[in-house]
Each structure stands twice: as structure tokens, then as C-alpha cells.
PDB file of N, CA and C in Angstrom:
ATOM      1  N   MET A   1     124.067 107.179  70.057  1.00  0.00           N
ATOM      2  CA  MET A   1     122.608 107.384  70.287  1.00  0.00           C
ATOM      3  C   MET A   1     121.704 107.378  71.171  1.00  0.00           C
ATOM      4  N   VAL A   2     120.850 107.739  71.347  1.00  0.00           N
ATOM      5  CA  VAL A   2     120.038 108.469  72.716  1.00  0.00           C
ATOM      6  C   VAL A   2     118.910 107.292  73.104  1.00  0.00           C
ATOM      7  N   THR A   3     118.791 106.675  73.851  1.00  0.00           N
ATOM      8  CA  THR A   3     117.675 105.720  74.455  1.00  0.00           C
ATOM      9  C   THR A   3     116.987 106.316  75.368  1.00  0.00           C
ATOM     10  N   THR A   4     115.394 105.925  74.948  1.00  0.00           N
ATOM     11  CA  THR A   4     114.330 106.774  75.901  1.00  0.00           C
ATOM     12  C   THR A   4     113.720 105.986  76.817  1.00  0.00           C
ATOM     13  N   ASP A   5     113.658 106.585  78.391  1.00  0.00           N
ATOM     14  CA  ASP A   5     113.225 105.714  79.386  1.00  0.00           C
ATOM     15  C   ASP A   5     111.831 105.941  79.009  1.00  0.00           C
ATOM     16  N   PHE A   6     111.111 105.141  78.308  1.00  0.00           N
ATOM     17  CA  PHE A   6     109.511 105.431  78.533  1.00  0.00           C
ATOM     18  C   PHE A   6     108.633 105.238  79.263  1.00  0.00           C
ATOM     19  N   SER A   7     109.129 104.866  80.470  1.00  0.00           N
ATOM     20  CA  SER A   7     108.362 104.657  81.831  1.00  0.00           C
ATOM     21  C   SER A   7     108.411 105.991  82.252  1.00  0.00           C
ATOM     22  N   GLU A   8     109.369 106.613  82.236  1.00  0.00           N
ATOM     23  CA  GLU A   8     109.753 108.080  82.790  1.00  0.00           C
ATOM     24  C   GLU A   8     109.169 108.548  81.934  1.00  0.00           C
ATOM     25  N   LEU A   9     108.992 108.609  80.569  1.00  0.00           N
ATOM     26  CA  LEU A   9     108.116 109.530  79.759  1.00  0.00           C
ATOM     27  C   LEU A   9     106.542 109.378  79.981  1.00  0.00           C
ATOM     28  N   VAL A  10     105.977 108.373  80.222  1.00  0.00           N
ATOM     29  CA  VAL A  10     104.937 107.960  80.594  1.00  0.00           C
ATOM     30  C   VAL A  10     104.248 108.925  81.619  1.00  0.00           C
ATOM     31  N   LEU A  11     105.378 108.857  82.761  1.00  0.00           N
ATOM     32  CA  LEU A  11     104.906 109.348  83.921  1.00  0.00           C
ATOM     33  C   LEU A  11     104.898 110.682  84.035  1.00  0.00           C
ATOM     34  N   THR A  12     105.834 111.434  83.285  1.00  0.00           N
ATOM     35  CA  THR A  12     105.729 112.707  82.726  1.00  0.00           C
ATOM     36  C   THR A  12     104.660 112.990  82.264  1.00  0.00           C
ATOM     37  N   LEU A  13     104.022 112.472  81.687  1.00  0.00           N
ATOM     38  CA  LEU A  13     102.713 112.996  80.803  1.00  0.00           C
ATOM     39  C   LEU A  13     101.781 112.762  81.519  1.00  0.00           C
ATOM     40  N   VAL A  14     101.775 111.704  82.146  1.00  0.00           N
ATOM     41  CA  VAL A  14     100.231 111.753  83.075  1.00  0.00           C
ATOM     42  C   VAL A  14      99.922 111.615  84.147  1.00  0.00           C
ATOM     43  N   ARG A  15     101.193 112.340  85.227  1.00  0.00           N
ATOM     44  CA  ARG A  15     101.151 112.617  86.336  1.00  0.00           C
ATOM     45  C   ARG A  15     100.065 114.357  86.336  1.00  0.00           C
ATOM     46  N   PRO A  16     100.498 115.025  85.362  1.00  0.00           N
ATOM     47  CA  PRO A  16      99.984 116.491  85.259  1.00  0.00           C
ATOM     48  C   PRO A  16      98.377 116.373  84.932  1.00  0.00           C
ATOM     49  N   LEU A  17      97.964 115.170  84.397  1.00  0.00           N
ATOM     50  CA  LEU A  17      96.584 114.881  83.841  1.00  0.00           C
ATOM     51  C   LEU A  17      95.731 114.483  85.231  1.00  0.00           C
ATOM     52  N   VAL A  18      96.448 113.621  86.158  1.00  0.00           N
ATOM     53  CA  VAL A  18      95.230 113.095  87.157  1.00  0.00           C
ATOM     54  C   VAL A  18      95.075 114.142  88.855  1.00  0.00           C
ATOM     55  N   LYS A  19      94.578 113.601  89.281  1.00  0.00           N
ATOM     56  CA  LYS A  19      94.327 114.014  90.772  1.00  0.00           C
ATOM     57  C   LYS A  19      94.838 113.431  91.575  1.00  0.00           C
ATOM     58  N   HIS A  20      95.231 112.479  91.295  1.00  0.00           N
ATOM     59  CA  HIS A  20      96.223 111.358  92.662  1.00  0.00           C
ATOM     60  C   HIS A  20      97.684 111.425  91.720  1.00  0.00           C
ATOM     61  N   PRO A  21      98.443 111.910  91.567  1.00  0.00           N
ATOM     62  CA  PRO A  21      99.843 111.950  91.191  1.00  0.00           C
ATOM     63  C   PRO A  21     100.958 110.780  91.855  1.00  0.00           C
ATOM     64  N   ALA A  22     100.416 110.722  93.061  1.00  0.00           N
ATOM     65  CA  ALA A  22     101.477 109.634  93.609  1.00  0.00           C
ATOM     66  C   ALA A  22     100.928 108.205  93.158  1.00  0.00           C
ATOM     67  N   ALA A  23      99.817 107.908  92.781  1.00  0.00           N
ATOM     68  CA  ALA A  23      99.012 106.864  92.693  1.00  0.00           C
ATOM     69  C   ALA A  23      99.651 106.235  90.996  1.00  0.00           C
ATOM     70  N   VAL A  24     100.004 107.054  90.311  1.00  0.00           N
ATOM     71  CA  VAL A  24     100.551 106.562  89.036  1.00  0.00           C
ATOM     72  C   VAL A  24     102.037 106.153  88.684  1.00  0.00           C
ATOM     73  N   ARG A  25     101.597 104.417  88.282  1.00  0.00           N
ATOM     74  CA  ARG A  25     102.787 103.774  88.356  1.00  0.00           C
ATOM     75  C   ARG A  25     102.835 103.392  86.960  1.00  0.00           C
ATOM     76  N   VAL A  26     103.731 102.581  86.326  1.00  0.00           N
ATOM     77  CA  VAL A  26     104.203 101.836  85.086  1.00  0.00           C
ATOM     78  C   VAL A  26     104.945 101.045  85.052  1.00  0.00           C
ATOM     79  N   ILE A  27     104.365  99.684  84.587  1.00  0.00           N
ATOM     80  CA  ILE A  27     104.959  98.652  85.097  1.00  0.00           C
ATOM     81  C   ILE A  27     105.032  97.948  83.539  1.00  0.00           C
ATOM     82  N   PRO A  28     106.805  98.016  83.143  1.00  0.00           N
ATOM     83  CA  PRO A  28     106.994  97.257  81.724  1.00  0.00           C
ATOM     84  C   PRO A  28     107.028  95.655  81.640  1.00  0.00           C
ATOM     85  N   ARG A  29     106.359  95.205  80.371  1.00  0.00           N
ATOM     86  CA  ARG A  29     106.251  93.940  80.251  1.00  0.00           C
ATOM     87  C   ARG A  29     107.273  93.945  78.727  1.00  0.00           C
ATOM     88  N   GLU A  30     107.451  92.705  78.738  1.00  0.00           N
ATOM     89  CA  GLU A  30     108.078  92.728  77.136  1.00  0.00           C
ATOM     90  C   GLU A  30     107.859  91.345  77.054  1.00  0.00           C
ATOM     91  N   SER A  31     106.976  91.065  75.424  1.00  0.00           N
ATOM     92  CA  SER A  31     106.305  90.149  75.168  1.00  0.00           C
ATOM     93  C   SER A  31     107.002  90.223  73.628  1.00  0.00           C
ATOM     94  N   GLU A  32     106.936  88.587  73.056  1.00  0.00           N
ATOM     95  CA  GLU A  32     107.859  88.414  71.830  1.00  0.00           C
ATOM     96  C   GLU A  32     107.927  89.420  70.895  1.00  0.00           C
ATOM     97  N   ARG A  33     106.960  90.160  70.921  1.00  0.00           N
ATOM     98  CA  ARG A  33     106.539  91.439  69.411  1.00  0.00           C
ATOM     99  C   ARG A  33     106.340  93.003  70.140  1.00  0.00           C
ATOM    100  N   TYR A  34     106.409  92.721  71.619  1.00  0.00           N
ATOM    101  CA  TYR A  34     105.932  94.395  71.973  1.00  0.00           C
ATOM    102  C   TYR A  34     106.680  94.420  73.385  1.00  0.00           C
ATOM    103  N   LEU A  35     106.832  95.859  73.394  1.00  0.00           N
ATOM    104  CA  LEU A  35     107.222  96.472  74.526  1.00  0.00           C
ATOM    105  C   LEU A  35     106.170  96.647  75.308  1.00  0.00           C
ATOM    106  N   ASN A  36     105.753  96.478  76.513  1.00  0.00           N
ATOM    107  CA  ASN A  36     103.890  96.694  77.092  1.00  0.00           C
ATOM    108  C   ASN A  36     104.245  97.597  78.139  1.00  0.00           C
ATOM    109  N   TYR A  37     103.916  98.740  78.387  1.00  0.00           N
ATOM    110  CA  TYR A  37     103.679  99.430  79.638  1.00  0.00           C
ATOM    111  C   TYR A  37     102.478  99.401  80.061  1.00  0.00           C
ATOM    112  N   VAL A  38     102.579  99.014  81.164  1.00  0.00           N
ATOM    113  CA  VAL A  38     100.908  99.153  82.218  1.00  0.00           C
ATOM    114  C   VAL A  38     100.895  99.917  82.844  1.00  0.00           C
ATOM    115  N   LEU A  39      99.760 101.318  82.477  1.00  0.00           N
ATOM    116  CA  LEU A  39      99.862 102.440  83.037  1.00  0.00           C
ATOM    117  C   LEU A  39      98.736 102.074  84.491  1.00  0.00           C
ATOM    118  N   ASP A  40      99.007 102.090  85.726  1.00  0.00           N
ATOM    119  CA  ASP A  40      98.171 101.870  86.872  1.00  0.00           C
ATOM    120  C   ASP A  40      98.100 103.197  87.548  1.00  0.00           C
ATOM    121  N   VAL A  41      96.810 103.453  87.892  1.00  0.00           N
ATOM    122  CA  VAL A  41      96.608 104.549  88.035  1.00  0.00           C
ATOM    123  C   VAL A  41      95.323 104.911  89.278  1.00  0.00           C
ATOM    124  N   ASP A  42      95.021 105.803  89.835  1.00  0.00           N
ATOM    125  CA  ASP A  42      93.744 105.506  90.639  1.00  0.00           C
ATOM    126  C   ASP A  42      92.851 105.483  90.070  1.00  0.00           C
ATOM    127  N   PRO A  43      91.676 104.564  90.724  1.00  0.00           N
ATOM    128  CA  PRO A  43      90.609 104.138  89.991  1.00  0.00           C
ATOM    129  C   PRO A  43      89.853 105.357  89.536  1.00  0.00           C
ATOM    130  N   ALA A  44      89.766 106.624  90.070  1.00  0.00           N
ATOM    131  CA  ALA A  44      89.138 107.897  90.039  1.00  0.00           C
ATOM    132  C   ALA A  44      89.983 108.681  88.871  1.00  0.00           C
ATOM    133  N   ASP A  45      90.709 108.187  88.618  1.00  0.00           N
ATOM    134  CA  ASP A  45      91.507 109.050  87.682  1.00  0.00           C
ATOM    135  C   ASP A  45      91.389 108.480  86.407  1.00  0.00           C
ATOM    136  N   VAL A  46      90.945 106.949  86.214  1.00  0.00           N
ATOM    137  CA  VAL A  46      90.861 106.340  85.081  1.00  0.00           C
ATOM    138  C   VAL A  46      90.216 107.231  83.905  1.00  0.00           C
ATOM    139  N   GLY A  47      89.081 107.621  83.675  1.00  0.00           N
ATOM    140  CA  GLY A  47      88.504 108.710  82.747  1.00  0.00           C
ATOM    141  C   GLY A  47      89.052 109.578  82.216  1.00  0.00           C
ATOM    142  N   ARG A  48      89.971 110.058  83.293  1.00  0.00           N
ATOM    143  CA  ARG A  48      90.926 111.363  83.165  1.00  0.00           C
ATOM    144  C   ARG A  48      92.152 111.111  82.126  1.00  0.00           C
ATOM    145  N   VAL A  49      92.684 109.897  82.215  1.00  0.00           N
ATOM    146  CA  VAL A  49      93.809 109.376  81.702  1.00  0.00           C
ATOM    147  C   VAL A  49      92.954 108.774  79.664  1.00  0.00           C
ATOM    148  N   ILE A  50      91.755 108.230  80.226  1.00  0.00           N
ATOM    149  CA  ILE A  50      91.222 107.894  79.074  1.00  0.00           C
ATOM    150  C   ILE A  50      90.834 109.215  78.128  1.00  0.00           C
ATOM    151  N   GLY A  51      90.276 110.312  78.346  1.00  0.00           N
ATOM    152  CA  GLY A  51      89.519 111.274  78.024  1.00  0.00           C
ATOM    153  C   GLY A  51      88.388 110.979  77.545  1.00  0.00           C
ATOM    154  N   ARG A  52      87.793 111.911  76.564  1.00  0.00           N
ATOM    155  CA  ARG A  52      86.411 111.668  76.013  1.00  0.00           C
ATOM    156  C   ARG A  52      86.619 111.050  74.839  1.00  0.00           C
ATOM    157  N   GLN A  53      85.804 109.792  74.680  1.00  0.00           N
ATOM    158  CA  GLN A  53      86.146 109.264  73.233  1.00  0.00           C
ATOM    159  C   GLN A  53      87.315 108.543  73.009  1.00  0.00           C
ATOM    160  N   GLY A  54      88.485 108.389  74.213  1.00  0.00           N
ATOM    161  CA  GLY A  54      89.693 107.938  74.004  1.00  0.00           C
ATOM    162  C   GLY A  54      90.489 108.962  73.868  1.00  0.00           C
ATOM    163  N   HIS A  55      90.403 110.398  73.158  1.00  0.00           N
ATOM    164  CA  HIS A  55      91.295 110.726  72.558  1.00  0.00           C
ATOM    165  C   HIS A  55      92.456 111.446  73.543  1.00  0.00           C
ATOM    166  N   VAL A  56      92.825 111.239  74.534  1.00  0.00           N
ATOM    167  CA  VAL A  56      93.580 111.395  75.599  1.00  0.00           C
ATOM    168  C   VAL A  56      94.938 110.547  75.486  1.00  0.00           C
ATOM    169  N   ILE A  57      94.243 109.136  75.546  1.00  0.00           N
ATOM    170  CA  ILE A  57      95.129 107.749  75.679  1.00  0.00           C
ATOM    171  C   ILE A  57      95.562 107.744  74.263  1.00  0.00           C
ATOM    172  N   ALA A  58      94.719 108.178  72.913  1.00  0.00           N
ATOM    173  CA  ALA A  58      95.016 108.257  71.606  1.00  0.00           C
ATOM    174  C   ALA A  58      96.114 108.819  71.657  1.00  0.00           C
ATOM    175  N   ALA A  59      96.446 110.061  72.546  1.00  0.00           N
ATOM    176  CA  ALA A  59      97.334 111.377  72.044  1.00  0.00           C
ATOM    177  C   ALA A  59      98.817 110.498  72.934  1.00  0.00           C
ATOM    178  N   LEU A  60      98.450 110.082  73.978  1.00  0.00           N
ATOM    179  CA  LEU A  60      99.734 109.789  74.780  1.00  0.00           C
ATOM    180  C   LEU A  60     100.220 108.612  73.699  1.00  0.00           C
ATOM    181  N   ARG A  61      99.792 107.673  73.339  1.00  0.00           N
ATOM    182  CA  ARG A  61     100.074 106.629  72.560  1.00  0.00           C
ATOM    183  C   ARG A  61     100.682 107.163  71.698  1.00  0.00           C
ATOM    184  N   THR A  62     100.431 107.771  70.804  1.00  0.00           N
ATOM    185  CA  THR A  62     101.133 108.290  69.596  1.00  0.00           C
ATOM    186  C   THR A  62     102.349 108.607  70.107  1.00  0.00           C
ATOM    187  N   VAL A  63     102.479 109.883  71.380  1.00  0.00           N
ATOM    188  CA  VAL A  63     103.900 109.992  71.491  1.00  0.00           C
ATOM    189  C   VAL A  63     104.423 109.227  71.870  1.00  0.00           C
ATOM    190  N   VAL A  64     103.932 108.088  72.844  1.00  0.00           N
ATOM    191  CA  VAL A  64     105.381 106.992  73.028  1.00  0.00           C
ATOM    192  C   VAL A  64     105.382 106.350  71.811  1.00  0.00           C
ATOM    193  N   GLU A  65     104.963 105.947  71.008  1.00  0.00           N
ATOM    194  CA  GLU A  65     104.915 105.292  69.932  1.00  0.00           C
ATOM    195  C   GLU A  65     106.262 106.201  68.802  1.00  0.00           C
ATOM    196  N   GLY A  66     105.901 107.135  68.818  1.00  0.00           N
ATOM    197  CA  GLY A  66     107.053 108.196  67.977  1.00  0.00           C
ATOM    198  C   GLY A  66     108.007 108.824  68.303  1.00  0.00           C
ATOM    199  N   ALA A  67     108.482 108.049  69.414  1.00  0.00           N
ATOM    200  CA  ALA A  67     109.380 108.341  70.448  1.00  0.00           C
ATOM    201  C   ALA A  67     110.646 106.932  70.556  1.00  0.00           C
ATOM    202  N   ARG A  68     110.038 105.662  70.073  1.00  0.00           N
ATOM    203  CA  ARG A  68     110.398 104.167  69.934  1.00  0.00           C
ATOM    204  C   ARG A  68     111.908 104.440  68.784  1.00  0.00           C
ATOM    205  N   ASP A  69     112.350 103.774  68.556  1.00  0.00           N
ATOM    206  CA  ASP A  69     113.701 103.488  67.519  1.00  0.00           C
ATOM    207  C   ASP A  69     112.737 102.731  66.821  1.00  0.00           C
ATOM    208  N   LYS A  70     113.213 103.430  64.999  1.00  0.00           N
ATOM    209  CA  LYS A  70     112.264 103.149  64.190  1.00  0.00           C
ATOM    210  C   LYS A  70     113.110 102.184  63.208  1.00  0.00           C
ATOM    211  N   ARG A  71     113.938 101.505  63.581  1.00  0.00           N
ATOM    212  CA  ARG A  71     114.641 100.395  63.004  1.00  0.00           C
ATOM    213  C   ARG A  71     113.672  99.560  62.889  1.00  0.00           C
ATOM    214  N   LYS A  72     114.234  98.049  61.883  1.00  0.00           N
ATOM    215  CA  LYS A  72     113.136  97.302  61.543  1.00  0.00           C
ATOM    216  C   LYS A  72     113.012  96.091  62.378  1.00  0.00           C
ATOM    217  N   ASN A  73     113.594  95.724  62.931  1.00  0.00           N
ATOM    218  CA  ASN A  73     113.448  94.824  63.958  1.00  0.00           C
ATOM    219  C   ASN A  73     113.464  95.160  65.685  1.00  0.00           C
ATOM    220  N   ALA A  74     113.234  96.605  65.465  1.00  0.00           N
ATOM    221  CA  ALA A  74     112.665  97.118  67.177  1.00  0.00           C
ATOM    222  C   ALA A  74     111.195  96.754  67.212  1.00  0.00           C
ATOM    223  N   LYS A  75     110.889  96.483  68.544  1.00  0.00           N
ATOM    224  CA  LYS A  75     109.624  96.284  69.066  1.00  0.00           C
ATOM    225  C   LYS A  75     108.739  97.083  68.896  1.00  0.00           C
ATOM    226  N   LYS A  76     107.863  97.163  68.923  1.00  0.00           N
ATOM    227  CA  LYS A  76     106.517  98.393  69.339  1.00  0.00           C
ATOM    228  C   LYS A  76     106.338  98.570  70.198  1.00  0.00           C
ATOM    229  N   ILE A  77     105.735  99.670  70.937  1.00  0.00           N
ATOM    230  CA  ILE A  77     105.385  99.678  71.954  1.00  0.00           C
ATOM    231  C   ILE A  77     104.115  99.862  72.346  1.00  0.00           C
ATOM    232  N   ARG A  78     103.760  99.339  73.292  1.00  0.00           N
ATOM    233  CA  ARG A  78     101.895  99.515  73.949  1.00  0.00           C
ATOM    234  C   ARG A  78     101.549 100.006  74.717  1.00  0.00           C
ATOM    235  N   LEU A  79     100.650 100.995  74.906  1.00  0.00           N
ATOM    236  CA  LEU A  79     100.418 101.425  76.038  1.00  0.00           C
ATOM    237  C   LEU A  79      99.223 101.020  76.887  1.00  0.00           C
ATOM    238  N   VAL A  80      98.937 100.693  77.797  1.00  0.00           N
ATOM    239  CA  VAL A  80      97.769  99.756  78.155  1.00  0.00           C
ATOM    240  C   VAL A  80      97.427 100.764  79.560  1.00  0.00           C
ATOM    241  N   ILE A  81      96.380 100.482  79.457  1.00  0.00           N
ATOM    242  CA  ILE A  81      95.652 100.923  81.285  1.00  0.00           C
ATOM    243  C   ILE A  81      95.222  99.966  81.946  1.00  0.00           C
ATOM    244  N   ASN A  82      95.546  99.824  82.831  1.00  0.00           N
ATOM    245  CA  ASN A  82      95.114  98.836  83.952  1.00  0.00           C
ATOM    246  C   ASN A  82      93.634  99.500  84.924  1.00  0.00           C
ATOM    247  N   ASP A  83      92.528  98.695  84.256  1.00  0.00           N
ATOM    248  CA  ASP A  83      91.576  99.306  84.513  1.00  0.00           C
ATOM    249  C   ASP A  83      91.191  98.532  85.642  1.00  0.00           C
ATOM    250  N   GLN A  84      91.256  98.865  86.905  1.00  0.00           N
ATOM    251  CA  GLN A  84      90.515  98.234  88.406  1.00  0.00           C
ATOM    252  C   GLN A  84      88.925  98.458  88.759  1.00  0.00           C
ATOM    253  N   ARG A  85      88.827  99.095  88.134  1.00  0.00           N
ATOM    254  CA  ARG A  85      87.288  98.982  88.182  1.00  0.00           C
ATOM    255  C   ARG A  85      86.409  97.874  87.721  1.00  0.00           C
ATOM    256  N   HIS A  86      86.841  97.150  86.915  1.00  0.00           N
ATOM    257  CA  HIS A  86      85.990  96.334  86.424  1.00  0.00           C
ATOM    258  C   HIS A  86      86.203  94.847  86.758  1.00  0.00           C
TER     259      HIS A  86
END
């Protein structure tokens, strides 16, 4: 069975979208029900990652969720943007 490195997957998807690709970081955090991946980008690039009406982040979440293991007891994946502007 192939395991997916979700941090690397998110980095591969997000870096081409932003103007400051060196500032992109993914911090994995595990909770009881979820594998949370906190996406840290330059404050100027937050809008690029979210997209108009959230379409870009919704597409990213769909791709990441589609790559997870579908076993019954597998934890769900959550992709969260760390918005440092607020």
C-alpha cells in the first residue's frame, strides 16, 4: 500500500499559486478525529490561496481529501490556512 505524504502534497499544490513560495510551510497536527495540516503562507499570499469566494482552497481541500486512505477507521484530513492578518 502506498502512503501519501500530505505535507509534501500541499506544498506541491500551493507553491505555484503564491508569489513567495519560500514562505510556504505546512505544519501537521493530529487530533482525536482529524489530521490537521496548517498552511502557513506570506500574509500577502493568503488571498491567492483562498481564491475568490473560497474556490481555490475548496479545490485544494478536495484534492487532499481525495488522496487520503478510505478505510473506515482512518482519520479525516483538514487543511487550515493560518491567516496572520487578523
